[in-house]
Structure formats: C-alpha cells, structure tokens
Amino acid sequence: MRKKIMVVDDEEDILTLIREILEGEGYGVICVNNGEEAVIKAVELQPDLILLDIMMPGMDGWEVVKLLKEHESTKDIPVAFLTCKGELRDKIMALQEGACHYITKPFTPQRLVEEVKMIFERTGGEGDK
C-alpha cells in the first residue's frame, strides 16, 4: 500500500518541490499550508508521516506537534520537522516535543528521500511506498 505523507509548510514553492520529489518516489503527498489545517487533516486522513515546518504564521510547528501528540488518533503518527532552524537547541526541543526526526533546509532531493525512507524504517514502515 502506498504511504501517505503530509507536508506542512506556509511556502507554496516548498510544498510544490517536496510534492514533486516524493510523488516521483511513489509516495502519496498531502500538502497543507498552515498549522490549523494540518491538525484537522491529520485527524481526518491519518497520514503515515508528517513533515512539518516550524516557522509558520498563526499556529506554528511547535503547537501543531503538541496537539498531534495529545490527540488519541494522531499521537502515533511520526512527525519530522523540516525547517531552516538548524540550532542544536531546536533539534533537542523537537525530539522532546515528540518529533521523530529533524531535517534542515535547504536539502537535496536525494537527501529528503533518504531521510523519509530512514524514518519509515525506524518507525516500522520498512520504507514501503
């Protein structure tokens, strides 16, 4: 069965780029451009992985991951931050908040695909698409 990945970022260019990369690898991609919609769509669509930006207007990534981890139906969905915030303290905080991984921008298409496959292998998804 094809894995569904939700990508949450307020920049349309980033959403388009990531969609093209991941769909090219056979993944289903759900693009969301704000935190509020991300929480609603995660509950509704139950993606296999969420790639989440931190810095977004309105509800930021920290708030989104907190709500997802508190909600019964989304608490076990792996969340990986995909952000330009590369400070060690941000990475540590992300893991403490429940994220399973932290990917910094900019990234190459190859690195993004490798990171996604690694997340699925670690979380029991075996990297299947």
Protein backbone atom coordinates (compact mmCIF):
# COMPACT_ATOMS: atom_id res chain seq x y z
CA MET A 1 0.00 0.00 0.00
CA ARG A 2 1.29 3.45 -0.91
CA LYS A 3 2.50 5.54 2.03
CA LYS A 4 0.81 8.91 2.59
CA ILE A 5 3.00 11.82 3.63
CA MET A 6 1.52 15.11 4.80
CA VAL A 7 3.76 18.11 4.16
CA VAL A 8 3.01 21.25 6.17
CA ASP A 9 4.69 24.48 5.11
CA ASP A 10 3.44 28.01 4.53
CA GLU A 11 5.62 28.44 1.41
CA GLU A 12 3.89 27.17 -1.75
CA ASP A 13 7.23 26.74 -3.57
CA ILE A 14 8.46 24.36 -0.87
CA LEU A 15 5.19 22.39 -0.94
CA THR A 16 5.40 22.05 -4.73
CA LEU A 17 9.05 20.97 -4.64
CA ILE A 18 8.52 18.37 -1.93
CA ARG A 19 5.37 17.04 -3.61
CA GLU A 20 7.28 16.53 -6.88
CA ILE A 21 10.20 14.82 -5.13
CA LEU A 22 8.08 12.45 -3.03
CA GLU A 23 5.47 11.66 -5.68
CA GLY A 24 8.37 10.84 -8.00
CA GLU A 25 9.36 8.19 -5.46
CA GLY A 26 5.85 6.73 -5.39
CA TYR A 27 4.54 8.31 -2.18
CA GLY A 28 1.12 9.89 -1.85
CA VAL A 29 1.50 13.52 -0.78
CA ILE A 30 -0.96 15.75 1.06
CA CYS A 31 0.07 19.42 1.06
CA VAL A 32 -1.15 21.75 3.79
CA ASN A 33 -0.10 25.38 4.17
CA ASN A 34 -0.99 26.14 7.81
CA GLY A 35 -0.96 24.58 11.25
CA GLU A 36 -4.70 24.65 11.92
CA GLU A 37 -5.48 22.75 8.72
CA ALA A 38 -2.63 20.32 9.43
CA VAL A 39 -4.23 19.19 12.69
CA ILE A 40 -7.66 18.77 11.07
CA LYS A 41 -6.29 16.90 8.04
CA ALA A 42 -4.09 14.64 10.18
CA VAL A 43 -7.12 13.51 12.17
CA GLU A 44 -9.19 13.08 9.03
CA LEU A 45 -6.65 11.48 6.66
CA GLN A 46 -4.29 9.64 9.05
CA PRO A 47 -1.06 10.07 7.05
CA ASP A 48 1.84 7.66 7.59
CA LEU A 49 4.26 10.56 8.17
CA ILE A 50 4.03 14.31 8.69
CA LEU A 51 6.82 16.64 7.51
CA LEU A 52 6.26 19.84 9.47
CA ASP A 53 7.77 23.31 9.21
CA ILE A 54 8.32 25.14 12.49
CA MET A 55 8.02 28.78 11.45
CA MET A 56 4.53 29.43 10.12
CA PRO A 57 2.09 32.27 10.76
CA GLY A 58 -0.76 31.53 13.14
CA MET A 59 -0.22 28.10 14.65
CA ASP A 60 3.48 27.22 14.38
CA GLY A 61 5.01 23.77 14.16
CA TRP A 62 5.62 23.54 17.90
CA GLU A 63 1.90 23.99 18.59
CA VAL A 64 0.96 21.54 15.83
CA VAL A 65 3.18 18.73 17.10
CA LYS A 66 1.93 19.28 20.65
CA LEU A 67 -1.71 18.98 19.56
CA LEU A 68 -0.99 15.94 17.38
CA LYS A 69 0.77 14.12 20.22
CA GLU A 70 -2.12 14.90 22.62
CA HIS A 71 -4.84 13.63 20.24
CA GLU A 72 -5.63 9.91 20.51
CA SER A 73 -5.99 9.35 16.76
CA THR A 74 -2.76 11.15 15.77
CA LYS A 75 -0.39 10.55 18.68
CA ASP A 76 1.38 7.65 16.95
CA ILE A 77 1.85 9.33 13.55
CA PRO A 78 5.57 10.05 13.10
CA VAL A 79 6.28 13.77 12.81
CA ALA A 80 9.56 15.06 11.37
CA PHE A 81 10.38 18.74 11.43
CA LEU A 82 11.52 20.10 8.07
CA THR A 83 12.83 23.57 8.81
CA CYS A 84 15.56 26.13 8.32
CA LYS A 85 16.04 26.33 12.10
CA GLY A 86 19.31 24.44 12.48
CA GLU A 87 20.30 25.25 16.05
CA LEU A 88 21.07 22.30 18.33
CA ARG A 89 18.57 23.57 20.93
CA ASP A 90 15.80 23.47 18.30
CA LYS A 91 16.67 19.88 17.41
CA ILE A 92 16.67 18.84 21.07
CA MET A 93 13.37 20.62 21.72
CA ALA A 94 11.82 18.95 18.66
CA LEU A 95 12.68 15.50 19.96
CA GLN A 96 11.45 16.39 23.45
CA GLU A 97 8.14 17.57 21.95
CA GLY A 98 7.62 14.23 20.22
CA ALA A 99 9.14 14.64 16.76
CA CYS A 100 10.88 11.52 15.49
CA HIS A 101 13.33 13.34 13.21
CA TYR A 102 14.67 16.76 12.23
CA ILE A 103 15.58 17.72 8.67
CA THR A 104 17.09 21.12 7.94
CA LYS A 105 16.52 23.24 4.85
CA PRO A 106 18.00 23.55 2.35
CA PHE A 107 18.03 19.88 1.37
CA THR A 108 18.73 17.97 -1.82
CA PRO A 109 16.01 15.77 -3.33
CA GLN A 110 18.19 12.71 -2.72
CA ARG A 111 18.72 13.61 0.95
CA LEU A 112 15.00 14.19 1.50
CA VAL A 113 14.12 10.79 0.03
CA GLU A 114 16.84 9.08 2.09
CA GLU A 115 15.60 10.75 5.28
CA VAL A 116 11.98 9.74 4.60
CA LYS A 117 12.99 6.12 3.92
CA MET A 118 15.06 6.09 7.11
CA ILE A 119 12.10 7.40 9.13
CA PHE A 120 9.83 4.67 7.75
CA GLU A 121 12.44 2.01 8.51
CA ARG A 122 12.82 3.27 12.09
CA THR A 123 9.08 3.63 12.72
CA GLY A 124 8.11 0.24 11.35
CA GLY A 125 7.08 1.35 7.89
CA GLU A 126 10.00 -0.53 6.28
CA GLY A 127 10.29 2.25 3.71
CA ASP A 128 7.43 0.80 1.64
CA LYS A 129 5.67 3.23 -0.64
